[in-house]
Amino acid sequence: MSDGMFAEELRAQLAEHGITELEEVALREALEARCETYTLIKLAPWPARRWKCKYRLMMGDKMYDAQSAAEAYAMGLVGVLGNHAEQRQR
C-alpha cells in the first residue's frame, strides 16, 4: 500500500460520512477539524517490522496502526466520526 492507497472498506466508511478526498493533507485537515489532539508517530525500522506498520496514530485511549500517514489519518477519522454518530443516537 502506498500513500493515499488503503483498504476499500476504509474508503467506504469515509464515503458514508461524505469524505471523498483521500489525500494525506485533506485527511489530516478533516481529522483536525473533528479532534482536539492526536499524535502521529513514524516508527523506526525495528518496531515497524515488529508491529507490521509504519505509522501509529494515538488519540485519547485509541491507537491506530497504518502503513501510511494518510491511512492513519483515515483510520482516526473513521473512529472520530463513528463516536460522533453514536453520541447522536443517544
Protein backbone atom coordinates (compact mmCIF):
# COMPACT_ATOMS: atom_id res chain seq x y z
CA MET A 1 0.00 0.00 0.00
CA SER A 2 1.42 3.37 -0.96
CA ASP A 3 0.42 6.78 0.35
CA GLY A 4 -3.21 7.51 -0.46
CA MET A 5 -3.98 3.83 -1.07
CA PHE A 6 -5.80 1.86 1.56
CA ALA A 7 -8.49 -0.72 2.04
CA GLU A 8 -11.75 -0.33 0.16
CA GLU A 9 -13.63 -0.85 3.44
CA LEU A 10 -11.93 2.23 4.92
CA ARG A 11 -12.73 4.25 1.78
CA ALA A 12 -16.38 3.16 2.04
CA GLN A 13 -16.57 4.15 5.71
CA LEU A 14 -15.22 7.61 4.90
CA ALA A 15 -17.63 7.97 1.97
CA GLU A 16 -20.56 7.18 4.32
CA HIS A 17 -19.63 10.38 6.15
CA GLY A 18 -19.19 12.40 2.95
CA ILE A 19 -15.40 12.31 2.91
CA THR A 20 -14.16 11.59 -0.58
CA GLU A 21 -10.87 13.50 -0.68
CA LEU A 22 -8.32 10.86 0.34
CA GLU A 23 -5.02 12.70 0.07
CA GLU A 24 -2.91 12.95 3.22
CA VAL A 25 -3.33 16.71 3.74
CA ALA A 26 -7.10 16.64 3.24
CA LEU A 27 -7.49 13.73 5.66
CA ARG A 28 -5.27 15.45 8.25
CA GLU A 29 -7.28 18.66 7.97
CA ALA A 30 -10.57 16.74 8.29
CA LEU A 31 -9.25 14.97 11.39
CA GLU A 32 -8.01 18.22 12.94
CA ALA A 33 -11.44 19.78 12.40
CA ARG A 34 -13.04 16.98 14.45
CA CYS A 35 -10.39 16.06 17.01
CA GLU A 36 -8.79 18.29 19.62
CA THR A 37 -5.49 16.46 19.84
CA TYR A 38 -3.68 13.48 18.39
CA THR A 39 -0.13 12.21 17.98
CA LEU A 40 1.19 10.67 14.77
CA ILE A 41 4.42 8.71 15.09
CA LYS A 42 6.53 7.45 12.22
CA LEU A 43 8.01 4.25 13.60
CA ALA A 44 11.69 3.37 13.39
CA PRO A 45 12.56 0.30 11.27
CA TRP A 46 12.67 -2.31 14.05
CA PRO A 47 9.27 -1.52 15.64
CA ALA A 48 7.79 -1.15 12.16
CA ARG A 49 8.89 -4.71 11.38
CA ARG A 50 7.71 -6.00 14.76
CA TRP A 51 4.27 -4.36 14.61
CA LYS A 52 3.95 -4.61 10.81
CA CYS A 53 3.09 -0.93 10.41
CA LYS A 54 4.99 2.26 9.62
CA TYR A 55 2.82 4.81 11.45
CA ARG A 56 0.94 4.88 14.74
CA LEU A 57 -1.79 7.46 15.41
CA MET A 58 -2.77 7.96 19.05
CA MET A 59 -5.96 9.78 20.04
CA GLY A 60 -7.05 9.64 23.66
CA ASP A 61 -7.22 5.96 24.59
CA LYS A 62 -7.28 4.76 20.95
CA MET A 63 -4.35 3.68 18.76
CA TYR A 64 -4.39 3.12 15.00
CA ASP A 65 -1.53 1.35 13.20
CA ALA A 66 -1.14 2.06 9.50
CA GLN A 67 1.17 1.73 6.52
CA SER A 68 0.98 5.43 5.58
CA ALA A 69 0.22 8.73 7.29
CA ALA A 70 -2.88 9.10 5.08
CA GLU A 71 -4.15 5.68 6.17
CA ALA A 72 -3.53 6.57 9.84
CA TYR A 73 -5.47 9.83 9.48
CA ALA A 74 -8.28 7.98 7.69
CA MET A 75 -8.50 5.35 10.44
CA GLY A 76 -8.55 8.02 13.15
CA LEU A 77 -11.16 9.99 11.24
CA VAL A 78 -13.43 6.95 10.94
CA GLY A 79 -13.01 6.42 14.69
CA VAL A 80 -13.95 10.02 15.47
CA LEU A 81 -16.90 10.02 13.05
CA GLY A 82 -18.14 6.73 14.50
CA ASN A 83 -18.05 8.20 18.01
CA HIS A 84 -20.00 11.27 16.88
CA ALA A 85 -22.64 9.07 15.23
CA GLU A 86 -23.00 7.00 18.43
CA GLN A 87 -23.43 10.14 20.54
CA ARG A 88 -26.17 11.49 18.23
CA GLN A 89 -28.10 8.23 18.56
CA ARG A 90 -28.23 8.50 22.35
